[in-house]
Amino acid sequence: MSFEKDVLVEVSSVLGNVPAAFTCGSLFVECSVPDAIKLETALLKKLKCGIIISRVGAETAYDFV
C-alpha cells in the first residue's frame, strides 16, 4: 500500500467514517480537537515519523516530516 492509503486506513480505524483527504501532501481530517490528538498519537505509533498538526476551521491538517 502507498503511504497515503496506509494513513487513510489508520484514520478510518481510529475515527471511523470521517471526512479525510490528502491535498498537496497534507492530510486534512474533519474532527474535534480531542479526536485530532487521538489520531496524531495513533499515527505517531504506526508511522514513526514527525507530524506537525494545525487547525484549519473545523479540520485538522497533518504534515508529515
PDB file of N, CA and C in Angstrom:
ATOM      1  N   MET A   1       0.826  -1.185   0.000  1.00  0.00           N
ATOM      2  CA  MET A   1       0.000   0.000   0.000  1.00  0.00           C
ATOM      3  C   MET A   1       0.869   1.247   0.000  1.00  0.00           C
ATOM      4  N   SER A   2       0.333   2.314  -0.554  1.00  0.00           N
ATOM      5  CA  SER A   2       1.072   3.571  -0.554  1.00  0.00           C
ATOM      6  C   SER A   2       0.953   4.250   0.811  1.00  0.00           C
ATOM      7  N   PHE A   3       1.803   5.208   1.053  1.00  0.00           N
ATOM      8  CA  PHE A   3       1.806   5.942   2.312  1.00  0.00           C
ATOM      9  C   PHE A   3       0.428   6.544   2.588  1.00  0.00           C
ATOM     10  N   GLU A   4      -0.143   7.222   1.586  1.00  0.00           N
ATOM     11  CA  GLU A   4      -1.427   7.885   1.780  1.00  0.00           C
ATOM     12  C   GLU A   4      -2.533   6.885   2.103  1.00  0.00           C
ATOM     13  N   LYS A   5      -2.545   5.753   1.420  1.00  0.00           N
ATOM     14  CA  LYS A   5      -3.558   4.730   1.700  1.00  0.00           C
ATOM     15  C   LYS A   5      -3.393   4.182   3.112  1.00  0.00           C
ATOM     16  N   ASP A   6      -2.157   3.932   3.522  1.00  0.00           N
ATOM     17  CA  ASP A   6      -1.893   3.455   4.891  1.00  0.00           C
ATOM     18  C   ASP A   6      -2.431   4.441   5.922  1.00  0.00           C
ATOM     19  N   VAL A   7      -2.185   5.711   5.694  1.00  0.00           N
ATOM     20  CA  VAL A   7      -2.632   6.746   6.628  1.00  0.00           C
ATOM     21  C   VAL A   7      -4.157   6.795   6.668  1.00  0.00           C
ATOM     22  N   LEU A   8      -4.811   6.760   5.512  1.00  0.00           N
ATOM     23  CA  LEU A   8      -6.273   6.827   5.475  1.00  0.00           C
ATOM     24  C   LEU A   8      -6.910   5.605   6.130  1.00  0.00           C
ATOM     25  N   VAL A   9      -6.282   4.447   6.016  1.00  0.00           N
ATOM     26  CA  VAL A   9      -6.771   3.255   6.709  1.00  0.00           C
ATOM     27  C   VAL A   9      -6.689   3.467   8.214  1.00  0.00           C
ATOM     28  N   GLU A  10      -5.589   4.052   8.676  1.00  0.00           N
ATOM     29  CA  GLU A  10      -5.431   4.332  10.111  1.00  0.00           C
ATOM     30  C   GLU A  10      -6.466   5.350  10.584  1.00  0.00           C
ATOM     31  N   VAL A  11      -6.737   6.370   9.774  1.00  0.00           N
ATOM     32  CA  VAL A  11      -7.767   7.362  10.119  1.00  0.00           C
ATOM     33  C   VAL A  11      -9.101   6.657  10.330  1.00  0.00           C
ATOM     34  N   SER A  12      -9.464   5.786   9.399  1.00  0.00           N
ATOM     35  CA  SER A  12     -10.738   5.064   9.498  1.00  0.00           C
ATOM     36  C   SER A  12     -10.790   4.162  10.723  1.00  0.00           C
ATOM     37  N   SER A  13      -9.673   3.508  11.026  1.00  0.00           N
ATOM     38  CA  SER A  13      -9.687   2.593  12.174  1.00  0.00           C
ATOM     39  C   SER A  13      -9.762   3.341  13.498  1.00  0.00           C
ATOM     40  N   VAL A  14      -9.215   4.553  13.555  1.00  0.00           N
ATOM     41  CA  VAL A  14      -9.214   5.319  14.809  1.00  0.00           C
ATOM     42  C   VAL A  14     -10.499   6.139  14.964  1.00  0.00           C
ATOM     43  N   LEU A  15     -10.934   6.797  13.882  1.00  0.00           N
ATOM     44  CA  LEU A  15     -12.051   7.738  13.988  1.00  0.00           C
ATOM     45  C   LEU A  15     -13.329   7.289  13.296  1.00  0.00           C
ATOM     46  N   GLY A  16     -13.279   6.187  12.566  1.00  0.00           N
ATOM     47  CA  GLY A  16     -14.468   5.745  11.840  1.00  0.00           C
ATOM     48  C   GLY A  16     -14.626   6.504  10.535  1.00  0.00           C
ATOM     49  N   ASN A  17     -15.853   6.707  10.136  1.00  0.00           N
ATOM     50  CA  ASN A  17     -16.153   7.333   8.846  1.00  0.00           C
ATOM     51  C   ASN A  17     -16.218   8.858   8.992  1.00  0.00           C
ATOM     52  N   VAL A  18     -15.069   9.506   8.884  1.00  0.00           N
ATOM     53  CA  VAL A  18     -15.000  10.969   8.935  1.00  0.00           C
ATOM     54  C   VAL A  18     -14.402  11.467   7.627  1.00  0.00           C
ATOM     55  N   PRO A  19     -14.745  12.695   7.209  1.00  0.00           N
ATOM     56  CA  PRO A  19     -14.130  13.244   6.003  1.00  0.00           C
ATOM     57  C   PRO A  19     -12.619  13.391   6.193  1.00  0.00           C
ATOM     58  N   ALA A  20     -11.854  12.764   5.297  1.00  0.00           N
ATOM     59  CA  ALA A  20     -10.388  12.830   5.368  1.00  0.00           C
ATOM     60  C   ALA A  20      -9.836  12.709   3.956  1.00  0.00           C
ATOM     61  N   ALA A  21      -8.856  13.556   3.633  1.00  0.00           N
ATOM     62  CA  ALA A  21      -8.257  13.520   2.294  1.00  0.00           C
ATOM     63  C   ALA A  21      -6.894  14.187   2.323  1.00  0.00           C
ATOM     64  N   PHE A  22      -6.056  13.789   1.374  1.00  0.00           N
ATOM     65  CA  PHE A  22      -4.758  14.424   1.197  1.00  0.00           C
ATOM     66  C   PHE A  22      -4.878  15.525   0.154  1.00  0.00           C
ATOM     67  N   THR A  23      -4.247  16.672   0.440  1.00  0.00           N
ATOM     68  CA  THR A  23      -4.145  17.780  -0.507  1.00  0.00           C
ATOM     69  C   THR A  23      -2.721  18.306  -0.436  1.00  0.00           C
ATOM     70  N   CYS A  24      -2.019  18.263  -1.553  1.00  0.00           N
ATOM     71  CA  CYS A  24      -0.646  18.764  -1.640  1.00  0.00           C
ATOM     72  C   CYS A  24       0.255  18.152  -0.562  1.00  0.00           C
ATOM     73  N   GLY A  25       0.051  16.880  -0.268  1.00  0.00           N
ATOM     74  CA  GLY A  25       0.891  16.176   0.691  1.00  0.00           C
ATOM     75  C   GLY A  25       0.473  16.292   2.140  1.00  0.00           C
ATOM     76  N   SER A  26      -0.510  17.137   2.433  1.00  0.00           N
ATOM     77  CA  SER A  26      -1.009  17.287   3.801  1.00  0.00           C
ATOM     78  C   SER A  26      -2.317  16.524   3.946  1.00  0.00           C
ATOM     79  N   LEU A  27      -2.499  15.906   5.096  1.00  0.00           N
ATOM     80  CA  LEU A  27      -3.743  15.211   5.398  1.00  0.00           C
ATOM     81  C   LEU A  27      -4.676  16.179   6.106  1.00  0.00           C
ATOM     82  N   PHE A  28      -5.907  16.269   5.631  1.00  0.00           N
ATOM     83  CA  PHE A  28      -6.933  17.096   6.264  1.00  0.00           C
ATOM     84  C   PHE A  28      -8.043  16.181   6.759  1.00  0.00           C
ATOM     85  N   VAL A  29      -8.381  16.302   8.048  1.00  0.00           N
ATOM     86  CA  VAL A  29      -9.407  15.469   8.658  1.00  0.00           C
ATOM     87  C   VAL A  29     -10.389  16.377   9.389  1.00  0.00           C
ATOM     88  N   GLU A  30     -11.670  16.183   9.141  1.00  0.00           N
ATOM     89  CA  GLU A  30     -12.693  16.950   9.833  1.00  0.00           C
ATOM     90  C   GLU A  30     -13.033  16.222  11.127  1.00  0.00           C
ATOM     91  N   CYS A  31     -12.570  16.778  12.249  1.00  0.00           N
ATOM     92  CA  CYS A  31     -12.778  16.119  13.541  1.00  0.00           C
ATOM     93  C   CYS A  31     -12.595  17.134  14.662  1.00  0.00           C
ATOM     94  N   SER A  32     -12.980  16.712  15.864  1.00  0.00           N
ATOM     95  CA  SER A  32     -12.817  17.561  17.054  1.00  0.00           C
ATOM     96  C   SER A  32     -11.340  17.581  17.470  1.00  0.00           C
ATOM     97  N   VAL A  33     -11.000  18.510  18.340  1.00  0.00           N
ATOM     98  CA  VAL A  33      -9.617  18.590  18.833  1.00  0.00           C
ATOM     99  C   VAL A  33      -9.216  17.322  19.591  1.00  0.00           C
ATOM    100  N   PRO A  34     -10.047  16.796  20.497  1.00  0.00           N
ATOM    101  CA  PRO A  34      -9.651  15.549  21.177  1.00  0.00           C
ATOM    102  C   PRO A  34      -9.439  14.391  20.193  1.00  0.00           C
ATOM    103  N   ASP A  35     -10.291  14.300  19.170  1.00  0.00           N
ATOM    104  CA  ASP A  35     -10.107  13.243  18.166  1.00  0.00           C
ATOM    105  C   ASP A  35      -8.837  13.473  17.351  1.00  0.00           C
ATOM    106  N   ALA A  36      -8.503  14.732  17.101  1.00  0.00           N
ATOM    107  CA  ALA A  36      -7.287  15.051  16.353  1.00  0.00           C
ATOM    108  C   ALA A  36      -6.051  14.576  17.107  1.00  0.00           C
ATOM    109  N   ILE A  37      -6.040  14.769  18.413  1.00  0.00           N
ATOM    110  CA  ILE A  37      -4.907  14.329  19.241  1.00  0.00           C
ATOM    111  C   ILE A  37      -4.853  12.805  19.304  1.00  0.00           C
ATOM    112  N   LYS A  38      -6.014  12.183  19.425  1.00  0.00           N
ATOM    113  CA  LYS A  38      -6.098  10.720  19.429  1.00  0.00           C
ATOM    114  C   LYS A  38      -5.523  10.148  18.132  1.00  0.00           C
ATOM    115  N   LEU A  39      -5.886  10.762  17.009  1.00  0.00           N
ATOM    116  CA  LEU A  39      -5.379  10.313  15.708  1.00  0.00           C
ATOM    117  C   LEU A  39      -3.879  10.567  15.592  1.00  0.00           C
ATOM    118  N   GLU A  40      -3.416  11.728  16.054  1.00  0.00           N
ATOM    119  CA  GLU A  40      -1.984  12.022  15.993  1.00  0.00           C
ATOM    120  C   GLU A  40      -1.184  10.967  16.757  1.00  0.00           C
ATOM    121  N   THR A  41      -1.654  10.592  17.928  1.00  0.00           N
ATOM    122  CA  THR A  41      -0.968   9.582  18.737  1.00  0.00           C
ATOM    123  C   THR A  41      -0.896   8.251  17.994  1.00  0.00           C
ATOM    124  N   ALA A  42      -2.007   7.844  17.386  1.00  0.00           N
ATOM    125  CA  ALA A  42      -2.036   6.580  16.644  1.00  0.00           C
ATOM    126  C   ALA A  42      -1.105   6.632  15.433  1.00  0.00           C
ATOM    127  N   LEU A  43      -1.089   7.762  14.731  1.00  0.00           N
ATOM    128  CA  LEU A  43      -0.218   7.896  13.556  1.00  0.00           C
ATOM    129  C   LEU A  43       1.255   7.899  13.955  1.00  0.00           C
ATOM    130  N   LEU A  44       1.589   8.547  15.062  1.00  0.00           N
ATOM    131  CA  LEU A  44       2.979   8.552  15.534  1.00  0.00           C
ATOM    132  C   LEU A  44       3.457   7.135  15.835  1.00  0.00           C
ATOM    133  N   LYS A  45       2.607   6.341  16.471  1.00  0.00           N
ATOM    134  CA  LYS A  45       2.970   4.957  16.793  1.00  0.00           C
ATOM    135  C   LYS A  45       3.138   4.117  15.540  1.00  0.00           C
ATOM    136  N   LYS A  46       2.245   4.314  14.564  1.00  0.00           N
ATOM    137  CA  LYS A  46       2.269   3.491  13.362  1.00  0.00           C
ATOM    138  C   LYS A  46       3.383   3.902  12.395  1.00  0.00           C
ATOM    139  N   LEU A  47       3.541   5.193  12.156  1.00  0.00           N
ATOM    140  CA  LEU A  47       4.435   5.677  11.098  1.00  0.00           C
ATOM    141  C   LEU A  47       5.847   5.964  11.575  1.00  0.00           C
ATOM    142  N   LYS A  48       6.004   6.248  12.859  1.00  0.00           N
ATOM    143  CA  LYS A  48       7.321   6.559  13.421  1.00  0.00           C
ATOM    144  C   LYS A  48       8.026   7.695  12.669  1.00  0.00           C
ATOM    145  N   CYS A  49       7.270   8.771  12.407  1.00  0.00           N
ATOM    146  CA  CYS A  49       7.844   9.968  11.791  1.00  0.00           C
ATOM    147  C   CYS A  49       7.264  11.179  12.507  1.00  0.00           C
ATOM    148  N   GLY A  50       7.845  12.329  12.249  1.00  0.00           N
ATOM    149  CA  GLY A  50       7.332  13.549  12.853  1.00  0.00           C
ATOM    150  C   GLY A  50       6.038  13.988  12.201  1.00  0.00           C
ATOM    151  N   ILE A  51       5.176  14.609  13.001  1.00  0.00           N
ATOM    152  CA  ILE A  51       3.902  15.122  12.493  1.00  0.00           C
ATOM    153  C   ILE A  51       3.694  16.520  13.053  1.00  0.00           C
ATOM    154  N   ILE A  52       3.364  17.447  12.178  1.00  0.00           N
ATOM    155  CA  ILE A  52       3.000  18.801  12.585  1.00  0.00           C
ATOM    156  C   ILE A  52       1.502  18.931  12.362  1.00  0.00           C
ATOM    157  N   ILE A  53       0.758  19.306  13.408  1.00  0.00           N
ATOM    158  CA  ILE A  53      -0.682  19.456  13.242  1.00  0.00           C
ATOM    159  C   ILE A  53      -1.069  20.915  13.406  1.00  0.00           C
ATOM    160  N   SER A  54      -2.111  21.333  12.685  1.00  0.00           N
ATOM    161  CA  SER A  54      -2.668  22.668  12.802  1.00  0.00           C
ATOM    162  C   SER A  54      -4.162  22.604  12.552  1.00  0.00           C
ATOM    163  N   ARG A  55      -4.862  23.506  13.162  1.00  0.00           N
ATOM    164  CA  ARG A  55      -6.303  23.587  12.943  1.00  0.00           C
ATOM    165  C   ARG A  55      -6.586  24.551  11.806  1.00  0.00           C
ATOM    166  N   VAL A  56      -7.500  24.142  10.928  1.00  0.00           N
ATOM    167  CA  VAL A  56      -7.943  24.966   9.804  1.00  0.00           C
ATOM    168  C   VAL A  56      -9.468  24.910   9.827  1.00  0.00           C
ATOM    169  N   GLY A  57     -10.085  25.850  10.501  1.00  0.00           N
ATOM    170  CA  GLY A  57     -11.543  25.809  10.671  1.00  0.00           C
ATOM    171  C   GLY A  57     -11.921  24.573  11.484  1.00  0.00           C
ATOM    172  N   ALA A  58     -12.824  23.755  10.924  1.00  0.00           N
ATOM    173  CA  ALA A  58     -13.281  22.535  11.609  1.00  0.00           C
ATOM    174  C   ALA A  58     -12.377  21.341  11.296  1.00  0.00           C
ATOM    175  N   GLU A  59     -11.355  21.561  10.503  1.00  0.00           N
ATOM    176  CA  GLU A  59     -10.452  20.466  10.103  1.00  0.00           C
ATOM    177  C   GLU A  59      -9.124  20.554  10.844  1.00  0.00           C
ATOM    178  N   THR A  60      -8.457  19.418  10.886  1.00  0.00           N
ATOM    179  CA  THR A  60      -7.086  19.380  11.386  1.00  0.00           C
ATOM    180  C   THR A  60      -6.202  18.986  10.229  1.00  0.00           C
ATOM    181  N   ALA A  61      -5.115  19.725  10.040  1.00  0.00           N
ATOM    182  CA  ALA A  61      -4.145  19.426   8.988  1.00  0.00           C
ATOM    183  C   ALA A  61      -2.951  18.713   9.625  1.00  0.00           C
ATOM    184  N   TYR A  62      -2.517  17.637   8.972  1.00  0.00           N
ATOM    185  CA  TYR A  62      -1.374  16.855   9.438  1.00  0.00           C
ATOM    186  C   TYR A  62      -0.291  16.906   8.362  1.00  0.00           C
ATOM    187  N   ASP A  63       0.872  17.418   8.732  1.00  0.00           N
ATOM    188  CA  ASP A  63       2.019  17.448   7.825  1.00  0.00           C
ATOM    189  C   ASP A  63       3.051  16.468   8.364  1.00  0.00           C
ATOM    190  N   PHE A  64       3.498  15.566   7.501  1.00  0.00           N
ATOM    191  CA  PHE A  64       4.422  14.504   7.899  1.00  0.00           C
ATOM    192  C   PHE A  64       5.843  14.921   7.539  1.00  0.00           C
ATOM    193  N   VAL A  65       6.730  14.877   8.547  1.00  0.00           N
ATOM    194  CA  VAL A  65       8.122  15.309   8.333  1.00  0.00           C
ATOM    195  C   VAL A  65       9.093  14.231   8.750  1.00  0.00           C
TER     196      VAL A  65
END
